[in-house]
């Protein structure tokens, strides 16, 4: 019994000693860390793990729109003082991203011409202040989506060039915005589907990929991305591929009807054959 009490006593002393040491010299003290200054992503990132993060933004083909560039203080607390953050265009980031991702030819990204975007006040950089006691500040950049075009993958690369306090993020001190005008097939569609994966009706949202291509969830249910292409010459619609399943084989009866804004596709991918009748919603 004495041995047990003795061991308990020794354990208690050790625990108290350890607690005392931790109180005096904590392994992590948030009050002693520097806040990180970063650019916040505006959409799901493309190329996760790439040298720089890339956001893919789509726009209606209007004369003018905006990109909200958010700079953030990511410390344990709010900004301890006013923090001036300078953001500038960084053209070399495009070349570095293309090389990092192995992109070339029609797949690579191209710097958006300076005539198609503007910082507040003009120029190639702007300084914004994260106020003391807050976390974020925004820069509203003006862009001209109706001038983007589909002849290349245009992108606007930005970086934080300086901050009056804190440490600029190594991962999110840069941000590339791929800018894409929506094509006429982007939007919500009433989708009636039948085939190997079942039958039903739901709403599918199509997002622009290129001038004549869109992407959407497989039959509006699964996360696999279905790429549909429309030939504007003969109004033939085809499923190019389904992510995770491979390339698709299409049937002759497929079509796009511009009058009724209807797409019909029958296709086989792997061992699955499906049909979809899609009617664009107003």
Protein backbone atom coordinates (compact mmCIF):
# COMPACT_ATOMS: atom_id res chain seq x y z
CA UNK A 1 0.00 0.00 0.00
CA UNK A 2 2.85 2.34 0.89
CA UNK A 3 4.46 1.59 -2.48
CA UNK A 4 1.24 2.46 -4.31
CA UNK A 5 0.81 5.74 -2.40
CA UNK A 6 4.46 6.56 -2.99
CA UNK A 7 4.06 6.02 -6.76
CA UNK A 8 0.89 8.11 -6.84
CA UNK A 9 2.68 10.89 -5.00
CA UNK A 10 5.62 10.80 -7.38
CA UNK A 11 3.25 10.91 -10.40
CA UNK A 12 1.42 13.90 -8.94
CA UNK A 13 4.67 15.80 -8.41
CA UNK A 14 5.76 15.00 -11.98
CA UNK A 15 2.40 16.15 -13.36
CA UNK A 16 2.57 19.40 -11.40
CA UNK A 17 6.13 19.96 -12.56
CA UNK A 18 5.10 19.36 -16.20
CA UNK A 19 2.13 21.69 -15.84
CA UNK A 20 4.37 24.36 -14.37
CA UNK A 21 6.82 24.02 -17.26
CA UNK A 22 4.04 24.31 -19.84
CA UNK A 23 2.62 27.38 -18.11
CA UNK A 24 6.00 29.06 -18.23
CA UNK A 25 6.97 28.04 -21.79
CA UNK A 26 3.95 26.99 -23.92
CA UNK A 27 4.62 25.05 -27.10
CA UNK A 28 2.43 27.49 -29.07
CA UNK A 29 1.56 31.02 -28.03
CA UNK A 30 -0.79 32.70 -30.57
CA UNK A 31 0.03 36.10 -29.10
CA UNK A 32 3.65 35.70 -30.19
CA UNK A 33 2.95 34.70 -33.82
CA UNK A 34 3.04 37.05 -36.79
CA UNK A 35 -0.18 37.45 -38.76
CA UNK A 36 -0.12 36.11 -42.32
CA UNK A 37 -1.29 38.38 -45.14
CA UNK A 38 -2.94 36.53 -48.04
CA UNK A 39 -5.36 36.77 -50.96
CA UNK A 40 -8.62 34.86 -50.45
CA UNK A 41 -9.87 32.55 -53.22
CA UNK A 42 -13.21 33.51 -54.81
CA UNK A 43 -14.09 30.11 -56.31
CA UNK A 44 -12.97 26.48 -56.04
CA UNK A 45 -9.29 26.36 -56.88
CA UNK A 46 -8.03 24.78 -60.09
CA UNK A 47 -4.80 22.81 -59.99
CA UNK A 48 -4.61 22.17 -56.25
CA UNK A 49 -0.96 21.81 -55.26
CA UNK A 50 0.21 24.04 -58.11
CA UNK A 51 2.94 26.65 -57.71
CA UNK A 52 0.26 29.36 -57.45
CA UNK A 53 -3.49 29.01 -56.71
CA UNK A 54 -5.79 29.62 -59.67
CA UNK A 55 -9.43 30.71 -59.50
CA UNK A 56 -11.69 30.14 -62.50
CA UNK A 57 -14.23 32.96 -62.82
CA UNK A 58 -17.00 33.17 -65.42
CA UNK A 59 -18.83 36.32 -66.46
CA UNK A 60 -21.82 37.29 -68.51
CA UNK A 61 -20.60 38.87 -71.75
CA UNK A 62 -21.32 42.41 -70.54
CA UNK A 63 -19.30 45.59 -71.15
CA UNK A 64 -18.26 45.89 -67.50
CA UNK A 65 -18.12 43.75 -64.37
CA UNK A 66 -15.94 43.47 -61.28
CA UNK A 67 -13.61 41.06 -59.51
CA UNK A 68 -13.50 41.46 -55.73
CA UNK A 69 -9.92 40.84 -54.63
CA UNK A 70 -9.96 40.15 -50.87
CA UNK A 71 -6.79 40.52 -48.81
CA UNK A 72 -6.88 38.96 -45.38
CA UNK A 73 -5.00 39.10 -42.08
CA UNK A 74 -4.90 35.48 -40.91
CA UNK A 75 -3.41 35.81 -37.47
CA UNK A 76 -4.91 34.37 -34.29
CA UNK A 77 -6.51 37.76 -33.61
CA UNK A 78 -7.76 40.71 -35.62
CA UNK A 79 -5.27 43.14 -37.16
CA UNK A 80 -3.38 44.79 -34.28
CA UNK A 81 -2.96 47.99 -36.31
CA UNK A 82 -3.83 49.43 -39.70
CA UNK A 83 -2.05 47.24 -42.26
CA UNK A 84 -1.32 48.65 -45.71
CA UNK A 85 -1.24 45.94 -48.36
CA UNK A 86 -0.07 46.54 -51.94
CA UNK A 87 -1.36 44.25 -54.67
CA UNK A 88 0.05 44.33 -58.19
CA UNK A 89 -0.17 42.50 -61.51
CA UNK A 90 2.50 39.79 -61.74
CA UNK A 91 2.86 38.67 -65.40
CA UNK A 92 5.68 36.21 -64.65
CA UNK A 93 3.25 34.13 -62.59
CA UNK A 94 1.47 33.02 -65.79
CA UNK A 95 4.62 31.55 -67.31
CA UNK A 96 5.54 29.91 -64.00
CA UNK A 97 2.05 28.37 -63.64
CA UNK A 98 2.02 27.02 -67.21
CA UNK A 99 5.43 25.43 -66.72
CA UNK A 100 4.49 24.01 -63.32
CA UNK A 101 1.31 22.43 -64.72
CA UNK A 102 2.87 21.30 -68.00
CA UNK A 103 0.51 23.44 -70.08
CA UNK A 104 1.28 24.40 -73.66
CA UNK A 105 -0.41 25.32 -76.92
CA UNK A 106 -4.14 25.89 -76.55
CA UNK A 107 -4.14 24.67 -72.95
CA UNK A 108 -1.80 27.29 -71.51
CA UNK A 109 -2.98 30.50 -69.85
CA UNK A 110 -2.36 33.89 -71.46
CA UNK A 111 -2.01 37.23 -69.72
CA UNK A 112 -5.18 39.34 -70.00
CA UNK A 113 -4.49 42.55 -71.88
CA UNK A 114 -4.22 45.64 -69.66
CA UNK A 115 -6.97 47.37 -71.64
CA UNK A 116 -9.49 44.80 -70.34
CA UNK A 117 -9.02 45.38 -66.60
CA UNK A 118 -8.34 48.26 -64.24
CA UNK A 119 -7.34 48.76 -60.63
CA UNK A 120 -9.16 51.52 -58.72
CA UNK A 121 -7.36 54.69 -59.78
CA UNK A 122 -5.63 52.97 -62.72
CA UNK A 123 -2.09 51.68 -62.98
CA UNK A 124 -0.74 48.18 -62.34
CA UNK A 125 -0.99 48.19 -58.55
CA UNK A 126 -3.09 49.48 -55.68
CA UNK A 127 -2.70 49.76 -51.91
CA UNK A 128 -5.55 48.92 -49.57
CA UNK A 129 -5.74 49.10 -45.77
CA UNK A 130 -6.92 46.34 -43.46
CA UNK A 131 -8.21 48.47 -40.54
CA UNK A 132 -7.07 47.80 -37.00
CA UNK A 133 -9.42 45.34 -35.31
CA UNK A 134 -10.58 43.81 -38.58
CA UNK A 135 -9.53 40.87 -40.76
CA UNK A 136 -10.14 41.83 -44.38
CA UNK A 137 -10.17 44.56 -46.99
CA UNK A 138 -11.38 44.43 -50.60
CA UNK A 139 -10.14 45.75 -53.91
CA UNK A 140 -12.78 46.07 -56.62
CA UNK A 141 -11.15 45.53 -60.00
CA UNK A 142 -13.08 46.49 -63.12
CA UNK A 143 -13.05 44.04 -66.03
CA UNK A 144 -14.60 44.03 -69.52
CA UNK A 145 -15.99 40.51 -70.10
CA UNK A 146 -17.43 41.21 -73.55
CA UNK A 147 -13.85 41.74 -74.74
CA UNK A 148 -12.34 38.58 -73.24
CA UNK A 149 -13.05 36.24 -76.16
CA UNK A 150 -12.56 32.49 -76.46
CA UNK A 151 -9.42 32.51 -78.62
CA UNK A 152 -7.18 31.84 -75.58
CA UNK A 153 -7.33 31.00 -71.86
CA UNK A 154 -6.99 34.50 -70.46
CA UNK A 155 -5.96 35.09 -66.87
CA UNK A 156 -5.13 37.95 -64.53
CA UNK A 157 -2.22 37.15 -62.17
CA UNK A 158 -1.96 39.18 -58.94
CA UNK A 159 0.44 39.14 -56.02
CA UNK A 160 0.91 40.92 -52.71
CA UNK A 161 4.10 42.90 -53.26
CA UNK A 162 4.28 44.40 -49.76
CA UNK A 163 2.53 44.62 -46.39
CA UNK A 164 3.26 47.14 -43.63
CA UNK A 165 2.85 44.44 -40.98
CA UNK A 166 2.71 40.66 -40.78
CA UNK A 167 4.18 38.09 -43.15
CA UNK A 168 3.06 37.67 -46.76
CA UNK A 169 1.77 34.12 -47.29
CA UNK A 170 4.06 31.77 -49.17
CA UNK A 171 1.04 29.90 -50.57
CA UNK A 172 -1.58 32.62 -51.03
CA UNK A 173 0.54 35.71 -51.54
CA UNK A 174 -0.21 35.12 -55.23
CA UNK A 175 -3.54 34.47 -56.96
CA UNK A 176 -4.29 33.87 -60.63
CA UNK A 177 -7.81 34.64 -61.89
CA UNK A 178 -8.77 32.76 -65.06
CA UNK A 179 -11.48 34.90 -66.67
CA UNK A 180 -14.05 33.34 -68.99
CA UNK A 181 -17.14 34.87 -70.63
CA UNK A 182 -20.21 32.65 -70.38
CA UNK A 183 -21.36 31.05 -73.61
CA UNK A 184 -25.04 30.78 -74.56
CA UNK A 185 -25.41 27.33 -72.97
CA UNK A 186 -24.31 28.36 -69.48
CA UNK A 187 -27.14 28.36 -66.93
CA UNK A 188 -29.85 26.10 -65.52
CA UNK A 189 -31.52 23.35 -67.55
CA UNK A 190 -34.44 21.03 -66.89
CA UNK A 191 -32.87 17.60 -67.31
CA UNK A 192 -34.84 14.45 -68.07
CA UNK A 193 -32.59 11.39 -68.04
CA UNK A 194 -32.90 7.65 -68.61
CA UNK A 195 -30.42 4.79 -68.89
CA UNK A 196 -28.01 2.63 -66.93
CA UNK A 197 -27.98 5.01 -63.97
CA UNK A 198 -31.75 5.25 -63.62
CA UNK A 199 -34.43 7.66 -64.74
CA UNK A 200 -35.84 10.95 -63.50
CA UNK A 201 -36.02 14.71 -63.90
CA UNK A 202 -34.02 17.39 -62.14
CA UNK A 203 -32.26 20.70 -62.70
CA UNK A 204 -28.72 20.73 -64.08
CA UNK A 205 -26.43 23.76 -63.99
CA UNK A 206 -24.07 24.07 -66.94
CA UNK A 207 -20.86 26.10 -66.61
CA UNK A 208 -18.79 27.43 -69.49
CA UNK A 209 -15.62 25.59 -70.43
CA UNK A 210 -15.03 27.09 -73.87
CA UNK A 211 -16.87 28.83 -76.67
CA UNK A 212 -18.97 25.75 -77.50
CA UNK A 213 -18.45 23.52 -74.45
CA UNK A 214 -19.97 23.29 -70.98
CA UNK A 215 -19.53 21.14 -67.90
CA UNK A 216 -22.14 19.84 -65.47
CA UNK A 217 -22.64 17.04 -62.93
CA UNK A 218 -23.32 13.63 -64.44
CA UNK A 219 -27.12 13.43 -65.07
CA UNK A 220 -27.46 16.17 -62.42
CA UNK A 221 -26.79 13.69 -59.61
CA UNK A 222 -23.17 12.55 -59.52
CA UNK A 223 -20.08 14.70 -59.01
CA UNK A 224 -18.44 13.33 -62.19
CA UNK A 225 -18.15 16.25 -64.61
CA UNK A 226 -19.82 15.77 -68.01
CA UNK A 227 -18.40 17.83 -70.88
CA UNK A 228 -20.96 18.64 -73.61
CA UNK A 229 -19.95 20.26 -76.91
CA UNK A 230 -22.26 21.83 -79.48
CA UNK A 231 -21.28 22.13 -83.15
CA UNK A 232 -22.80 25.47 -84.23
CA UNK A 233 -22.60 24.53 -87.92
CA UNK A 234 -24.79 21.43 -87.89
CA UNK A 235 -26.28 21.82 -84.35
CA UNK A 236 -24.99 18.42 -83.29
CA UNK A 237 -24.57 17.98 -79.52
CA UNK A 238 -22.14 15.45 -78.09
CA UNK A 239 -20.80 14.35 -74.74
CA UNK A 240 -17.01 14.56 -74.98
CA UNK A 241 -16.14 12.85 -71.69
CA UNK A 242 -17.22 12.11 -68.14
CA UNK A 243 -14.57 12.57 -65.48
CA UNK A 244 -13.60 9.31 -63.83
CA UNK A 245 -15.30 7.29 -66.56
CA UNK A 246 -13.45 8.36 -69.71
CA UNK A 247 -14.34 9.48 -73.22
CA UNK A 248 -17.88 9.00 -74.54
CA UNK A 249 -19.32 7.45 -77.69
CA UNK A 250 -22.25 9.44 -79.11
CA UNK A 251 -25.28 8.50 -81.22
CA UNK A 252 -26.35 10.04 -84.56
CA UNK A 253 -29.68 11.34 -83.24
CA UNK A 254 -28.10 13.85 -80.87
CA UNK A 255 -28.97 17.51 -81.48
CA UNK A 256 -29.10 21.10 -80.27
CA UNK A 257 -32.27 23.05 -81.20
CA UNK A 258 -31.59 26.81 -80.91
CA UNK A 259 -35.28 27.64 -81.38
CA UNK A 260 -36.53 25.65 -78.40
CA UNK A 261 -33.16 25.80 -76.58
CA UNK A 262 -33.15 22.03 -76.23
CA UNK A 263 -30.23 19.60 -76.13
CA UNK A 264 -30.69 15.86 -76.66
CA UNK A 265 -27.73 13.54 -76.11
CA UNK A 266 -27.48 9.77 -76.11
CA UNK A 267 -24.05 8.45 -75.23
CA UNK A 268 -22.12 5.48 -73.90
CA UNK A 269 -19.24 5.83 -71.45
CA UNK A 270 -17.63 2.66 -70.19
CA UNK A 271 -20.44 0.13 -69.92
CA UNK A 272 -23.12 2.75 -69.24
CA UNK A 273 -25.51 4.15 -71.83
CA UNK A 274 -27.58 7.21 -70.99
CA UNK A 275 -29.88 9.73 -72.64
CA UNK A 276 -30.54 13.28 -71.54
CA UNK A 277 -33.11 15.76 -72.77
CA UNK A 278 -32.16 19.21 -71.51
CA UNK A 279 -34.37 22.30 -71.86
CA UNK A 280 -32.85 25.67 -70.94
CA UNK A 281 -34.69 27.51 -68.20
CA UNK A 282 -35.50 31.22 -68.60
